[in-house]
């Protein structure tokens, strides 16, 4: 389910197949039968948002894909649970040109309406793959980095920017011990705060800083 004109237009331009579209006006000019004009009251009734955004569309979920070993740089998520965080991370991958996002099987569903909304359409351009993360990391030839508080300073570390995977951990507990055992290196983002009052960065924010440094290299 996608809501709002901008998000829906992104999906309509993509390979995602439209099932039905409901809007308060004929905005999209698509084939009759797939599009339905409804009242604002009815749109609000079917919307997941506190305030409905003009239109709502239902698209068919694509078939599950498998990890692509040929991708130069992938991001991997170990048990990310917050829909807003996942949506922001998908949007971040789109911004930095990361085509593949690997998710552990207990990571929140990327087709959760809150995730879809947070991606602002970027879900159509990022291949999100759910897999047994430990098994995949143990079998891949890619160099595996993990984000930790006590890792090597990302700005000083010697980075392999090709054939690499960056792993981000759970919002509360970080990277699990079973995933940690499969990693090749630990990296961190240095804190410059004088008081050191902030314990950590939001996982999506941390991911953006790490990807920026990998892409800069």
Protein backbone atom coordinates (compact mmCIF):
# COMPACT_ATOMS: atom_id res chain seq x y z
CA UNK A 1 0.00 0.00 0.00
CA UNK A 2 1.33 3.42 -1.01
CA UNK A 3 -0.17 6.77 -0.06
CA UNK A 4 0.28 10.27 -1.45
CA UNK A 5 0.68 11.52 -5.01
CA UNK A 6 4.51 11.61 -5.05
CA UNK A 7 4.95 8.09 -3.65
CA UNK A 8 2.29 6.62 -5.93
CA UNK A 9 3.82 8.24 -9.02
CA UNK A 10 7.20 6.67 -8.15
CA UNK A 11 5.58 3.25 -7.97
CA UNK A 12 3.64 3.77 -11.21
CA UNK A 13 6.95 4.45 -13.02
CA UNK A 14 8.47 1.26 -11.63
CA UNK A 15 8.02 -2.45 -12.43
CA UNK A 16 5.60 -2.77 -9.49
CA UNK A 17 2.21 -3.88 -10.81
CA UNK A 18 -0.78 -1.77 -9.81
CA UNK A 19 -3.73 -3.62 -8.31
CA UNK A 20 -6.05 -0.71 -7.48
CA UNK A 21 -5.91 3.04 -6.98
CA UNK A 22 -8.26 5.19 -4.95
CA UNK A 23 -8.18 8.98 -5.13
CA UNK A 24 -10.41 11.98 -4.56
CA UNK A 25 -9.77 13.28 -8.13
CA UNK A 26 -8.61 11.98 -11.52
CA UNK A 27 -4.93 12.83 -10.99
CA UNK A 28 -3.08 9.88 -12.50
CA UNK A 29 -5.02 9.31 -15.74
CA UNK A 30 -4.64 5.54 -15.77
CA UNK A 31 -6.85 2.84 -17.24
CA UNK A 32 -10.45 2.73 -16.12
CA UNK A 33 -11.08 -0.22 -13.83
CA UNK A 34 -7.84 0.19 -11.91
CA UNK A 35 -8.64 3.73 -10.74
CA UNK A 36 -11.52 4.65 -8.46
CA UNK A 37 -12.67 8.14 -7.50
CA UNK A 38 -13.88 8.19 -3.89
CA UNK A 39 -14.83 10.79 -1.32
CA UNK A 40 -12.36 12.32 1.14
CA UNK A 41 -14.29 10.63 3.94
CA UNK A 42 -13.90 7.19 2.38
CA UNK A 43 -10.22 7.81 1.66
CA UNK A 44 -9.65 8.68 5.30
CA UNK A 45 -11.42 5.47 6.33
CA UNK A 46 -9.00 3.25 4.35
CA UNK A 47 -5.86 5.31 4.98
CA UNK A 48 -3.15 4.32 7.46
CA UNK A 49 -2.28 7.98 7.95
CA UNK A 50 -3.75 10.34 10.52
CA UNK A 51 -4.58 12.66 7.65
CA UNK A 52 -5.13 10.99 4.26
CA UNK A 53 -3.02 12.30 1.35
CA UNK A 54 -5.28 12.64 -1.72
CA UNK A 55 -4.73 9.09 -2.99
CA UNK A 56 -3.98 5.52 -1.95
CA UNK A 57 -2.76 2.71 -4.20
CA UNK A 58 -2.35 -1.02 -3.76
CA UNK A 59 0.48 -2.72 -5.68
CA UNK A 60 1.36 -6.39 -6.01
CA UNK A 61 4.40 -7.47 -4.01
CA UNK A 62 7.26 -8.69 -6.21
CA UNK A 63 8.64 -12.19 -5.83
CA UNK A 64 11.40 -12.61 -3.27
CA UNK A 65 14.87 -12.14 -4.69
CA UNK A 66 18.25 -13.63 -3.73
CA UNK A 67 21.46 -11.76 -2.87
CA UNK A 68 23.52 -10.59 -5.84
CA UNK A 69 27.24 -11.31 -5.35
CA UNK A 70 28.16 -8.94 -8.19
CA UNK A 71 27.04 -5.82 -6.30
CA UNK A 72 30.11 -3.78 -5.29
CA UNK A 73 28.75 -2.40 -2.01
CA UNK A 74 25.80 -3.70 0.01
CA UNK A 75 24.26 -2.67 3.29
CA UNK A 76 23.05 -5.39 5.68
CA UNK A 77 20.64 -5.02 8.60
CA UNK A 78 20.69 -7.25 11.66
CA UNK A 79 17.25 -7.20 13.28
CA UNK A 80 16.10 -3.65 12.54
CA UNK A 81 12.62 -3.37 14.06
CA UNK A 82 11.43 0.22 13.59
CA UNK A 83 9.50 0.85 10.33
CA UNK A 84 10.63 4.47 10.18
CA UNK A 85 14.27 3.46 10.49
CA UNK A 86 13.99 0.88 7.71
CA UNK A 87 12.18 3.30 5.43
CA UNK A 88 14.83 5.96 6.00
CA UNK A 89 17.62 3.43 5.39
CA UNK A 90 16.03 2.38 2.07
CA UNK A 91 15.80 6.03 1.05
CA UNK A 92 19.42 6.50 2.13
CA UNK A 93 20.53 3.55 -0.01
CA UNK A 94 18.79 5.14 -2.98
CA UNK A 95 20.59 8.45 -2.34
CA UNK A 96 24.03 6.83 -2.13
CA UNK A 97 23.47 4.48 -5.06
CA UNK A 98 23.45 1.29 -2.98
CA UNK A 99 21.31 -1.05 -5.04
CA UNK A 100 21.10 -3.95 -2.59
CA UNK A 101 19.93 -3.99 1.02
CA UNK A 102 20.28 -7.31 2.85
CA UNK A 103 17.89 -7.86 5.77
CA UNK A 104 17.87 -10.52 8.45
CA UNK A 105 14.67 -12.55 8.57
CA UNK A 106 13.54 -10.76 11.76
CA UNK A 107 13.95 -7.28 10.30
CA UNK A 108 10.68 -5.39 9.86
CA UNK A 109 8.83 -6.09 6.58
CA UNK A 110 9.81 -3.59 3.88
CA UNK A 111 6.20 -3.65 2.62
CA UNK A 112 4.86 -2.49 5.96
CA UNK A 113 2.83 0.65 5.01
CA UNK A 114 4.86 2.79 7.44
CA UNK A 115 8.09 1.61 5.78
CA UNK A 116 6.73 2.26 2.28
CA UNK A 117 5.68 5.77 3.30
CA UNK A 118 9.09 6.56 4.84
CA UNK A 119 10.93 5.49 1.66
CA UNK A 120 9.15 8.21 -0.37
CA UNK A 121 9.32 5.97 -3.42
CA UNK A 122 12.92 4.78 -3.00
CA UNK A 123 11.66 1.24 -2.42
CA UNK A 124 11.17 1.03 -6.20
CA UNK A 125 14.92 1.49 -6.81
CA UNK A 126 16.53 -0.53 -4.01
CA UNK A 127 16.55 -4.33 -4.06
CA UNK A 128 15.62 -5.40 -0.52
CA UNK A 129 16.55 -9.03 0.10
CA UNK A 130 15.48 -10.99 3.19
CA UNK A 131 17.86 -13.82 3.98
CA UNK A 132 19.43 -15.90 6.73
CA UNK A 133 22.05 -13.23 7.37
CA UNK A 134 24.51 -15.36 9.33
CA UNK A 135 24.47 -18.10 6.68
CA UNK A 136 24.92 -15.60 3.86
CA UNK A 137 27.76 -13.73 5.53
CA UNK A 138 29.59 -16.96 6.25
CA UNK A 139 29.39 -18.02 2.59
CA UNK A 140 30.11 -14.77 0.76
CA UNK A 141 33.56 -13.69 -0.42
CA UNK A 142 32.75 -10.02 0.26
CA UNK A 143 34.67 -8.16 2.95
CA UNK A 144 32.32 -7.65 5.89
CA UNK A 145 32.36 -4.54 8.08
CA UNK A 146 30.32 -4.13 11.24
CA UNK A 147 29.36 -0.83 12.88
CA UNK A 148 30.33 -0.77 16.57
CA UNK A 149 30.95 1.81 19.25
CA UNK A 150 34.48 0.47 19.80
CA UNK A 151 35.48 -0.09 16.18
CA UNK A 152 38.23 1.62 14.21
CA UNK A 153 37.60 5.26 13.34
CA UNK A 154 35.86 5.23 9.94
CA UNK A 155 37.75 8.35 8.86
CA UNK A 156 41.13 6.74 9.54
CA UNK A 157 40.49 3.11 8.61
CA UNK A 158 41.75 1.60 5.38
CA UNK A 159 38.51 0.67 3.61
CA UNK A 160 37.79 -1.91 0.94
CA UNK A 161 35.10 -0.10 -1.04
CA UNK A 162 34.60 -2.81 -3.66
CA UNK A 163 33.01 -6.18 -2.96
CA UNK A 164 32.10 -5.08 0.55
CA UNK A 165 29.17 -5.32 2.97
CA UNK A 166 28.45 -2.91 5.82
CA UNK A 167 26.39 -4.41 8.66
CA UNK A 168 24.21 -2.28 10.96
CA UNK A 169 22.75 -3.72 14.14
CA UNK A 170 19.52 -3.60 16.11
CA UNK A 171 18.44 -0.21 17.47
CA UNK A 172 18.76 -1.28 21.12
CA UNK A 173 21.28 -4.12 21.14
CA UNK A 174 23.55 -3.50 18.16
CA UNK A 175 24.97 -6.35 16.09
CA UNK A 176 24.26 -9.80 17.56
CA UNK A 177 27.08 -12.08 18.66
CA UNK A 178 26.29 -14.64 15.95
CA UNK A 179 26.60 -11.98 13.22
CA UNK A 180 29.66 -10.44 14.88
CA UNK A 181 31.50 -13.74 14.52
CA UNK A 182 31.16 -13.54 10.72
CA UNK A 183 32.64 -10.04 10.33
CA UNK A 184 36.11 -9.14 9.06
CA UNK A 185 36.46 -5.69 10.65
CA UNK A 186 34.80 -3.37 13.17
CA UNK A 187 34.35 0.30 12.31
CA UNK A 188 32.92 3.22 14.26
CA UNK A 189 31.92 6.85 13.93
CA UNK A 190 33.91 9.08 16.32
CA UNK A 191 32.08 11.38 18.72
CA UNK A 192 33.29 14.98 18.90
CA UNK A 193 30.97 16.09 21.69
CA UNK A 194 32.83 17.56 24.67
CA UNK A 195 30.42 16.23 27.29
CA UNK A 196 29.89 12.86 25.54
CA UNK A 197 26.26 12.86 26.63
CA UNK A 198 24.86 11.08 23.56
CA UNK A 199 25.28 7.32 23.94
CA UNK A 200 24.90 6.49 20.27
CA UNK A 201 23.57 7.62 16.89
CA UNK A 202 20.26 6.61 15.35
CA UNK A 203 20.91 3.57 13.13
CA UNK A 204 19.78 5.33 9.94
CA UNK A 205 21.93 8.37 10.72
CA UNK A 206 24.93 6.15 11.41
CA UNK A 207 24.35 4.31 8.14
CA UNK A 208 24.32 7.58 6.20
CA UNK A 209 27.66 8.67 7.66
CA UNK A 210 29.27 5.30 6.93
CA UNK A 211 27.97 5.15 3.36
CA UNK A 212 29.10 8.71 2.73
CA UNK A 213 32.64 7.80 3.75
CA UNK A 214 32.69 4.59 1.68
CA UNK A 215 31.40 6.44 -1.37
CA UNK A 216 33.85 9.31 -0.84
CA UNK A 217 36.76 6.89 -1.00
